[in-house]
Amino acid sequence: THNIRANCLCPGSVNTEFARHAIGTPPQQGSSGQRVVAPMGRQAAPSELASVLSFLLSKDASYVTGTTMMVDGGYTAI
């Protein structure tokens, strides 16, 4: 084996300057003016995605491969 791990990080809505500029609405609203529907009731902070990515890259996740990590505030659960 080559000890290669392949995982996927799937973020939901992320509160970034680019997103705020592109959407032109407050972070709690989407581009159509609808409220963010994720059960967490807010957008993710970039640091929250970085934490999950850091875990996937760490030795703590050495046996994790072929998985998709949904980091979307529970959106896919509804």
N, C-alpha and C. Protein backbone atom coordinates (compact mmCIF):
# COMPACT_ATOMS: atom_id res chain seq x y z
N THR A 1 0.83 -1.19 0.00
CA THR A 1 0.00 0.00 0.00
C THR A 1 0.87 1.24 0.00
N HIS A 2 0.27 2.35 -0.33
CA HIS A 2 0.98 3.63 -0.39
C HIS A 2 0.62 4.55 0.77
N ASN A 3 -0.22 4.07 1.69
CA ASN A 3 -0.63 4.87 2.85
C ASN A 3 -1.22 6.22 2.46
N ILE A 4 -2.02 6.21 1.43
CA ILE A 4 -2.69 7.43 0.98
C ILE A 4 -4.12 7.39 1.51
N ARG A 5 -4.53 8.48 2.14
CA ARG A 5 -5.90 8.60 2.62
C ARG A 5 -6.62 9.62 1.76
N ALA A 6 -7.87 9.34 1.44
CA ALA A 6 -8.67 10.26 0.64
C ALA A 6 -9.99 10.51 1.35
N ASN A 7 -10.20 11.74 1.77
CA ASN A 7 -11.42 12.13 2.46
C ASN A 7 -11.94 13.41 1.83
N CYS A 8 -13.18 13.71 2.10
CA CYS A 8 -13.81 14.89 1.52
C CYS A 8 -14.43 15.74 2.63
N LEU A 9 -14.14 17.03 2.60
CA LEU A 9 -14.73 17.98 3.54
C LEU A 9 -15.78 18.78 2.77
N CYS A 10 -17.03 18.68 3.20
CA CYS A 10 -18.14 19.36 2.51
C CYS A 10 -18.72 20.43 3.42
N PRO A 11 -18.31 21.67 3.22
CA PRO A 11 -18.82 22.74 4.07
C PRO A 11 -20.19 23.23 3.63
N GLY A 12 -20.92 23.74 4.56
CA GLY A 12 -22.15 24.45 4.25
C GLY A 12 -21.80 25.91 4.06
N SER A 13 -22.69 26.77 4.45
CA SER A 13 -22.49 28.21 4.33
C SER A 13 -21.44 28.67 5.35
N VAL A 14 -20.46 29.44 4.86
CA VAL A 14 -19.35 29.89 5.70
C VAL A 14 -19.34 31.42 5.74
N ASN A 15 -19.22 31.97 6.91
CA ASN A 15 -19.22 33.41 7.10
C ASN A 15 -17.83 33.97 6.78
N THR A 16 -17.66 34.40 5.54
CA THR A 16 -16.40 35.00 5.10
C THR A 16 -16.68 36.37 4.51
N GLU A 17 -15.66 37.17 4.39
CA GLU A 17 -15.81 38.49 3.77
C GLU A 17 -16.30 38.35 2.34
N PHE A 18 -15.75 37.38 1.61
CA PHE A 18 -16.17 37.15 0.23
C PHE A 18 -17.66 36.81 0.16
N ALA A 19 -18.12 35.92 1.03
CA ALA A 19 -19.53 35.53 1.03
C ALA A 19 -20.42 36.71 1.37
N ARG A 20 -20.02 37.51 2.36
CA ARG A 20 -20.82 38.68 2.72
C ARG A 20 -20.90 39.66 1.56
N HIS A 21 -19.80 39.85 0.86
CA HIS A 21 -19.78 40.77 -0.28
C HIS A 21 -20.61 40.21 -1.44
N ALA A 22 -20.46 38.93 -1.72
CA ALA A 22 -21.17 38.31 -2.85
C ALA A 22 -22.67 38.25 -2.61
N ILE A 23 -23.06 37.92 -1.39
CA ILE A 23 -24.48 37.79 -1.08
C ILE A 23 -25.12 39.15 -0.87
N GLY A 24 -24.40 40.04 -0.22
CA GLY A 24 -24.91 41.39 0.01
C GLY A 24 -25.99 41.46 1.07
N THR A 25 -26.07 40.43 1.91
CA THR A 25 -27.06 40.40 2.99
C THR A 25 -26.35 39.99 4.27
N PRO A 26 -26.98 40.19 5.40
CA PRO A 26 -26.37 39.75 6.66
C PRO A 26 -26.10 38.25 6.63
N PRO A 27 -25.11 37.76 7.40
CA PRO A 27 -24.75 36.35 7.39
C PRO A 27 -25.88 35.40 7.72
N GLN A 28 -26.88 35.85 8.45
CA GLN A 28 -27.96 34.93 8.81
C GLN A 28 -28.98 34.78 7.69
N GLN A 29 -28.76 35.45 6.56
CA GLN A 29 -29.68 35.34 5.44
C GLN A 29 -28.95 34.83 4.21
N GLY A 30 -29.67 34.14 3.35
CA GLY A 30 -29.11 33.65 2.11
C GLY A 30 -29.28 34.67 1.00
N SER A 31 -28.84 34.32 -0.21
CA SER A 31 -28.85 35.26 -1.33
C SER A 31 -30.27 35.65 -1.74
N SER A 32 -31.25 34.81 -1.47
CA SER A 32 -32.62 35.15 -1.83
C SER A 32 -33.33 35.88 -0.69
N GLY A 33 -32.58 36.19 0.36
CA GLY A 33 -33.17 36.87 1.51
C GLY A 33 -33.76 35.92 2.53
N GLN A 34 -33.73 34.61 2.21
CA GLN A 34 -34.26 33.63 3.15
C GLN A 34 -33.25 33.41 4.27
N ARG A 35 -33.76 33.08 5.42
CA ARG A 35 -32.88 32.81 6.55
C ARG A 35 -32.09 31.53 6.29
N VAL A 36 -30.89 31.47 6.84
CA VAL A 36 -30.10 30.26 6.76
C VAL A 36 -30.90 29.15 7.45
N VAL A 37 -31.05 28.02 6.79
CA VAL A 37 -31.92 26.97 7.32
C VAL A 37 -31.18 25.88 8.07
N ALA A 38 -29.88 26.00 8.24
CA ALA A 38 -29.14 25.00 9.00
C ALA A 38 -29.66 25.00 10.44
N PRO A 39 -29.85 23.82 11.02
CA PRO A 39 -30.34 23.75 12.40
C PRO A 39 -29.50 24.54 13.40
N MET A 40 -28.23 24.75 13.12
CA MET A 40 -27.39 25.54 14.03
C MET A 40 -27.80 27.00 14.01
N GLY A 41 -28.54 27.43 12.99
CA GLY A 41 -29.06 28.78 12.94
C GLY A 41 -28.05 29.86 12.59
N ARG A 42 -26.91 29.46 12.06
CA ARG A 42 -25.88 30.43 11.70
C ARG A 42 -24.94 29.82 10.67
N GLN A 43 -24.11 30.65 10.09
CA GLN A 43 -23.08 30.17 9.19
C GLN A 43 -21.88 29.69 10.01
N ALA A 44 -21.07 28.85 9.39
CA ALA A 44 -19.85 28.38 10.04
C ALA A 44 -18.79 29.47 10.04
N ALA A 45 -17.97 29.48 11.05
CA ALA A 45 -16.78 30.32 11.06
C ALA A 45 -15.69 29.55 10.30
N PRO A 46 -14.85 30.23 9.55
CA PRO A 46 -13.77 29.54 8.84
C PRO A 46 -12.93 28.66 9.77
N SER A 47 -12.73 29.09 11.00
CA SER A 47 -11.93 28.30 11.95
C SER A 47 -12.59 26.95 12.27
N GLU A 48 -13.92 26.88 12.18
CA GLU A 48 -14.61 25.62 12.44
C GLU A 48 -14.31 24.60 11.34
N LEU A 49 -14.22 25.06 10.11
CA LEU A 49 -13.84 24.16 9.01
C LEU A 49 -12.38 23.76 9.16
N ALA A 50 -11.54 24.71 9.53
CA ALA A 50 -10.11 24.43 9.69
C ALA A 50 -9.88 23.37 10.77
N SER A 51 -10.68 23.39 11.82
CA SER A 51 -10.54 22.40 12.90
C SER A 51 -10.83 21.00 12.40
N VAL A 52 -11.86 20.86 11.59
CA VAL A 52 -12.19 19.54 11.04
C VAL A 52 -11.10 19.08 10.08
N LEU A 53 -10.64 19.98 9.23
CA LEU A 53 -9.57 19.65 8.30
C LEU A 53 -8.30 19.27 9.05
N SER A 54 -7.99 19.99 10.09
CA SER A 54 -6.81 19.69 10.91
C SER A 54 -6.91 18.28 11.49
N PHE A 55 -8.10 17.91 11.95
CA PHE A 55 -8.30 16.55 12.46
C PHE A 55 -8.05 15.52 11.37
N LEU A 56 -8.63 15.74 10.18
CA LEU A 56 -8.47 14.78 9.10
C LEU A 56 -7.01 14.61 8.68
N LEU A 57 -6.23 15.66 8.83
CA LEU A 57 -4.81 15.60 8.47
C LEU A 57 -3.92 15.06 9.59
N SER A 58 -4.48 14.92 10.77
CA SER A 58 -3.69 14.52 11.94
C SER A 58 -3.54 13.00 12.05
N LYS A 59 -2.63 12.60 12.93
CA LYS A 59 -2.45 11.18 13.23
C LYS A 59 -3.68 10.60 13.92
N ASP A 60 -4.47 11.45 14.56
CA ASP A 60 -5.70 10.98 15.21
C ASP A 60 -6.68 10.39 14.20
N ALA A 61 -6.56 10.79 12.94
CA ALA A 61 -7.44 10.29 11.89
C ALA A 61 -6.70 9.33 10.95
N SER A 62 -5.67 8.69 11.46
CA SER A 62 -4.83 7.83 10.61
C SER A 62 -5.58 6.65 10.01
N TYR A 63 -6.70 6.26 10.58
CA TYR A 63 -7.48 5.14 10.06
C TYR A 63 -8.76 5.62 9.37
N VAL A 64 -8.87 6.91 9.17
CA VAL A 64 -10.05 7.49 8.50
C VAL A 64 -9.71 7.70 7.03
N THR A 65 -10.44 7.02 6.17
CA THR A 65 -10.26 7.22 4.73
C THR A 65 -11.55 6.86 4.01
N GLY A 66 -11.75 7.51 2.88
CA GLY A 66 -12.94 7.24 2.08
C GLY A 66 -14.21 7.81 2.68
N THR A 67 -14.09 8.82 3.50
CA THR A 67 -15.27 9.38 4.15
C THR A 67 -15.56 10.79 3.67
N THR A 68 -16.78 11.19 3.85
CA THR A 68 -17.20 12.55 3.54
C THR A 68 -17.64 13.19 4.85
N MET A 69 -16.98 14.27 5.22
CA MET A 69 -17.31 14.99 6.45
C MET A 69 -18.20 16.18 6.10
N MET A 70 -19.45 16.10 6.51
CA MET A 70 -20.38 17.20 6.28
C MET A 70 -20.22 18.19 7.43
N VAL A 71 -19.80 19.40 7.11
CA VAL A 71 -19.61 20.45 8.12
C VAL A 71 -20.56 21.58 7.72
N ASP A 72 -21.84 21.33 7.95
CA ASP A 72 -22.87 22.22 7.43
C ASP A 72 -23.91 22.63 8.46
N GLY A 73 -23.57 22.52 9.73
CA GLY A 73 -24.49 22.93 10.78
C GLY A 73 -25.74 22.09 10.86
N GLY A 74 -25.70 20.87 10.33
CA GLY A 74 -26.85 19.98 10.37
C GLY A 74 -27.77 20.09 9.17
N TYR A 75 -27.40 20.89 8.17
CA TYR A 75 -28.26 21.11 7.01
C TYR A 75 -28.64 19.79 6.33
N THR A 76 -27.69 18.88 6.17
CA THR A 76 -28.00 17.62 5.48
C THR A 76 -28.89 16.71 6.31
N ALA A 77 -29.05 17.01 7.59
CA ALA A 77 -29.89 16.18 8.45
C ALA A 77 -31.37 16.52 8.32
N ILE A 78 -31.67 17.65 7.67
CA ILE A 78 -33.09 18.04 7.55
C ILE A 78 -33.63 17.80 6.17
